[in-house]
Amino acid sequence: MLKVLPLRPSPQPLANGQVWRMAGANLKVDMVGKLLVHYKLAKPDAVRVPCSINSIKTIEAFLKTNKAVLV
C-alpha cells in the first residue's frame, strides 16, 4: 500500500523587488542574477540597511530554514 503525502506548494522563485517576512526580520530582494542575489536583510523598523550579496541556493535555504513568507 502506498502512502499519499500532502502536496506542499512549491517555493516561489526569487525575483526582483520581493519582500520576505520572517520572525523579527525582513529580506528585500534587490536584484537577481544567474548565480547571485543582491538583498537587504534588516529588522522591520531599521533606518539604514546594508546591501549584501550571496548565492541563490544559499538564500533559498536561508528562507526555508527561517520559514519566510512572501509578502
N, C-alpha and C. Protein backbone atom coordinates (compact mmCIF):
# COMPACT_ATOMS: atom_id res chain seq x y z
N MET A 1 0.83 -1.17 0.00
CA MET A 1 0.00 0.00 0.00
C MET A 1 0.89 1.25 0.00
N LEU A 2 0.58 2.20 -0.83
CA LEU A 2 1.35 3.44 -0.93
C LEU A 2 0.80 4.50 0.00
N LYS A 3 1.73 5.25 0.60
CA LYS A 3 1.32 6.37 1.43
C LYS A 3 1.17 7.60 0.54
N VAL A 4 0.09 8.31 0.73
CA VAL A 4 -0.15 9.53 -0.04
C VAL A 4 0.25 10.71 0.84
N LEU A 5 1.25 11.45 0.39
CA LEU A 5 1.71 12.62 1.14
C LEU A 5 1.00 13.86 0.64
N PRO A 6 0.65 14.77 1.54
CA PRO A 6 0.02 16.01 1.08
C PRO A 6 1.02 16.84 0.29
N LEU A 7 0.54 17.48 -0.76
CA LEU A 7 1.40 18.29 -1.61
C LEU A 7 1.66 19.63 -0.95
N ARG A 8 2.92 20.02 -0.92
CA ARG A 8 3.29 21.34 -0.44
C ARG A 8 3.36 22.28 -1.63
N PRO A 9 2.97 23.53 -1.43
CA PRO A 9 3.12 24.47 -2.54
C PRO A 9 4.60 24.67 -2.84
N SER A 10 4.93 24.68 -4.11
CA SER A 10 6.33 24.86 -4.47
C SER A 10 6.79 26.26 -4.09
N PRO A 11 8.03 26.41 -3.63
CA PRO A 11 8.50 27.74 -3.23
C PRO A 11 8.59 28.67 -4.43
N GLN A 12 8.33 29.95 -4.17
CA GLN A 12 8.38 30.95 -5.23
C GLN A 12 9.83 31.17 -5.63
N PRO A 13 10.12 31.28 -6.92
CA PRO A 13 11.48 31.62 -7.32
C PRO A 13 11.78 33.07 -6.94
N LEU A 14 13.03 33.33 -6.63
CA LEU A 14 13.42 34.69 -6.26
C LEU A 14 13.28 35.62 -7.46
N ALA A 15 12.74 36.80 -7.21
CA ALA A 15 12.56 37.79 -8.27
C ALA A 15 12.85 39.18 -7.70
N ASN A 16 13.16 40.12 -8.58
CA ASN A 16 13.47 41.48 -8.16
C ASN A 16 12.27 42.11 -7.44
N GLY A 17 12.55 42.79 -6.33
CA GLY A 17 11.52 43.52 -5.60
C GLY A 17 10.73 42.72 -4.59
N GLN A 18 10.99 41.44 -4.44
CA GLN A 18 10.25 40.64 -3.46
C GLN A 18 10.64 41.02 -2.04
N VAL A 19 9.68 40.91 -1.12
CA VAL A 19 9.93 41.12 0.30
C VAL A 19 9.49 39.86 1.02
N TRP A 20 10.41 39.24 1.75
CA TRP A 20 10.15 38.03 2.51
C TRP A 20 10.13 38.40 3.99
N ARG A 21 9.10 37.99 4.70
CA ARG A 21 8.96 38.30 6.12
C ARG A 21 9.26 37.05 6.95
N MET A 22 10.11 37.23 7.96
CA MET A 22 10.45 36.17 8.91
C MET A 22 10.21 36.70 10.30
N ALA A 23 10.42 35.86 11.29
CA ALA A 23 10.27 36.29 12.68
C ALA A 23 11.38 37.29 13.00
N GLY A 24 11.02 38.55 13.15
CA GLY A 24 11.97 39.57 13.55
C GLY A 24 12.82 40.18 12.46
N ALA A 25 12.59 39.83 11.20
CA ALA A 25 13.41 40.39 10.12
C ALA A 25 12.66 40.34 8.80
N ASN A 26 13.06 41.21 7.90
CA ASN A 26 12.56 41.23 6.52
C ASN A 26 13.74 41.12 5.58
N LEU A 27 13.56 40.38 4.49
CA LEU A 27 14.58 40.27 3.46
C LEU A 27 13.99 40.83 2.17
N LYS A 28 14.61 41.89 1.64
CA LYS A 28 14.15 42.51 0.40
C LYS A 28 15.13 42.16 -0.70
N VAL A 29 14.64 41.53 -1.76
CA VAL A 29 15.47 41.15 -2.89
C VAL A 29 15.58 42.35 -3.82
N ASP A 30 16.81 42.84 -4.04
CA ASP A 30 17.02 43.98 -4.92
C ASP A 30 17.21 43.54 -6.37
N MET A 31 18.10 42.57 -6.58
CA MET A 31 18.40 42.14 -7.94
C MET A 31 18.81 40.67 -7.94
N VAL A 32 18.31 39.92 -8.90
CA VAL A 32 18.64 38.51 -9.04
C VAL A 32 19.39 38.31 -10.34
N GLY A 33 20.56 37.69 -10.26
CA GLY A 33 21.34 37.39 -11.44
C GLY A 33 21.32 35.90 -11.73
N LYS A 34 22.28 35.42 -12.52
CA LYS A 34 22.36 34.00 -12.83
C LYS A 34 22.69 33.17 -11.59
N LEU A 35 23.65 33.63 -10.81
CA LEU A 35 24.12 32.88 -9.65
C LEU A 35 23.96 33.61 -8.33
N LEU A 36 23.93 34.95 -8.36
CA LEU A 36 23.95 35.73 -7.13
C LEU A 36 22.68 36.56 -6.94
N VAL A 37 22.43 36.90 -5.67
CA VAL A 37 21.29 37.74 -5.30
C VAL A 37 21.80 38.92 -4.50
N HIS A 38 21.38 40.13 -4.87
CA HIS A 38 21.64 41.34 -4.07
C HIS A 38 20.41 41.52 -3.19
N TYR A 39 20.61 41.59 -1.88
CA TYR A 39 19.47 41.68 -0.98
C TYR A 39 19.78 42.54 0.22
N LYS A 40 18.72 42.93 0.94
CA LYS A 40 18.84 43.68 2.19
C LYS A 40 18.10 42.91 3.26
N LEU A 41 18.79 42.61 4.36
CA LEU A 41 18.21 41.88 5.47
C LEU A 41 18.24 42.77 6.70
N ALA A 42 17.07 43.09 7.24
CA ALA A 42 17.02 44.01 8.37
C ALA A 42 15.77 43.79 9.20
N LYS A 43 15.77 44.38 10.38
CA LYS A 43 14.58 44.40 11.21
C LYS A 43 13.57 45.33 10.54
N PRO A 44 12.27 45.13 10.81
CA PRO A 44 11.25 45.92 10.11
C PRO A 44 11.36 47.43 10.30
N ASP A 45 11.86 47.91 11.43
CA ASP A 45 11.91 49.35 11.68
C ASP A 45 13.30 49.95 11.50
N ALA A 46 14.20 49.24 10.81
CA ALA A 46 15.58 49.72 10.62
C ALA A 46 15.61 50.91 9.66
N VAL A 47 16.52 51.86 9.94
CA VAL A 47 16.65 53.04 9.11
C VAL A 47 17.67 52.81 8.00
N ARG A 48 18.86 52.37 8.36
CA ARG A 48 19.91 52.10 7.38
C ARG A 48 20.13 50.60 7.28
N VAL A 49 20.13 50.11 6.06
CA VAL A 49 20.27 48.68 5.84
C VAL A 49 21.35 48.45 4.79
N PRO A 50 22.39 47.67 5.11
CA PRO A 50 23.42 47.40 4.11
C PRO A 50 22.94 46.41 3.06
N CYS A 51 23.44 46.56 1.86
CA CYS A 51 23.14 45.63 0.78
C CYS A 51 24.15 44.48 0.84
N SER A 52 23.66 43.25 0.73
CA SER A 52 24.51 42.07 0.79
C SER A 52 24.36 41.27 -0.49
N ILE A 53 25.34 40.41 -0.74
CA ILE A 53 25.33 39.56 -1.93
C ILE A 53 25.61 38.13 -1.49
N ASN A 54 24.83 37.19 -2.02
CA ASN A 54 25.04 35.79 -1.72
C ASN A 54 24.48 34.95 -2.87
N SER A 55 24.75 33.65 -2.85
CA SER A 55 24.27 32.79 -3.93
C SER A 55 22.78 32.52 -3.78
N ILE A 56 22.13 32.20 -4.87
CA ILE A 56 20.69 31.95 -4.89
C ILE A 56 20.37 30.75 -4.02
N LYS A 57 21.15 29.68 -4.12
CA LYS A 57 20.89 28.47 -3.33
C LYS A 57 20.98 28.75 -1.83
N THR A 58 21.95 29.57 -1.44
CA THR A 58 22.11 29.90 -0.02
C THR A 58 20.93 30.70 0.49
N ILE A 59 20.46 31.66 -0.28
CA ILE A 59 19.31 32.48 0.13
C ILE A 59 18.05 31.63 0.21
N GLU A 60 17.84 30.74 -0.75
CA GLU A 60 16.66 29.88 -0.72
C GLU A 60 16.68 28.97 0.49
N ALA A 61 17.85 28.43 0.84
CA ALA A 61 17.98 27.59 2.02
C ALA A 61 17.72 28.40 3.29
N PHE A 62 18.23 29.63 3.34
CA PHE A 62 18.03 30.52 4.49
C PHE A 62 16.54 30.82 4.68
N LEU A 63 15.85 31.12 3.59
CA LEU A 63 14.42 31.42 3.66
C LEU A 63 13.64 30.19 4.12
N LYS A 64 14.04 29.02 3.67
CA LYS A 64 13.35 27.80 4.05
C LYS A 64 13.54 27.48 5.52
N THR A 65 14.78 27.60 6.02
CA THR A 65 15.03 27.28 7.42
C THR A 65 14.38 28.27 8.37
N ASN A 66 14.23 29.52 7.95
CA ASN A 66 13.60 30.54 8.79
C ASN A 66 12.10 30.68 8.54
N LYS A 67 11.55 29.80 7.71
CA LYS A 67 10.10 29.77 7.42
C LYS A 67 9.60 31.15 6.97
N ALA A 68 10.28 31.69 5.98
CA ALA A 68 9.93 33.01 5.46
C ALA A 68 8.65 32.94 4.63
N VAL A 69 7.89 34.05 4.68
CA VAL A 69 6.64 34.15 3.94
C VAL A 69 6.75 35.33 2.98
N LEU A 70 6.37 35.11 1.74
CA LEU A 70 6.41 36.17 0.74
C LEU A 70 5.27 37.15 1.00
N VAL A 71 5.62 38.45 1.09
CA VAL A 71 4.60 39.47 1.37
C VAL A 71 4.03 40.00 0.08
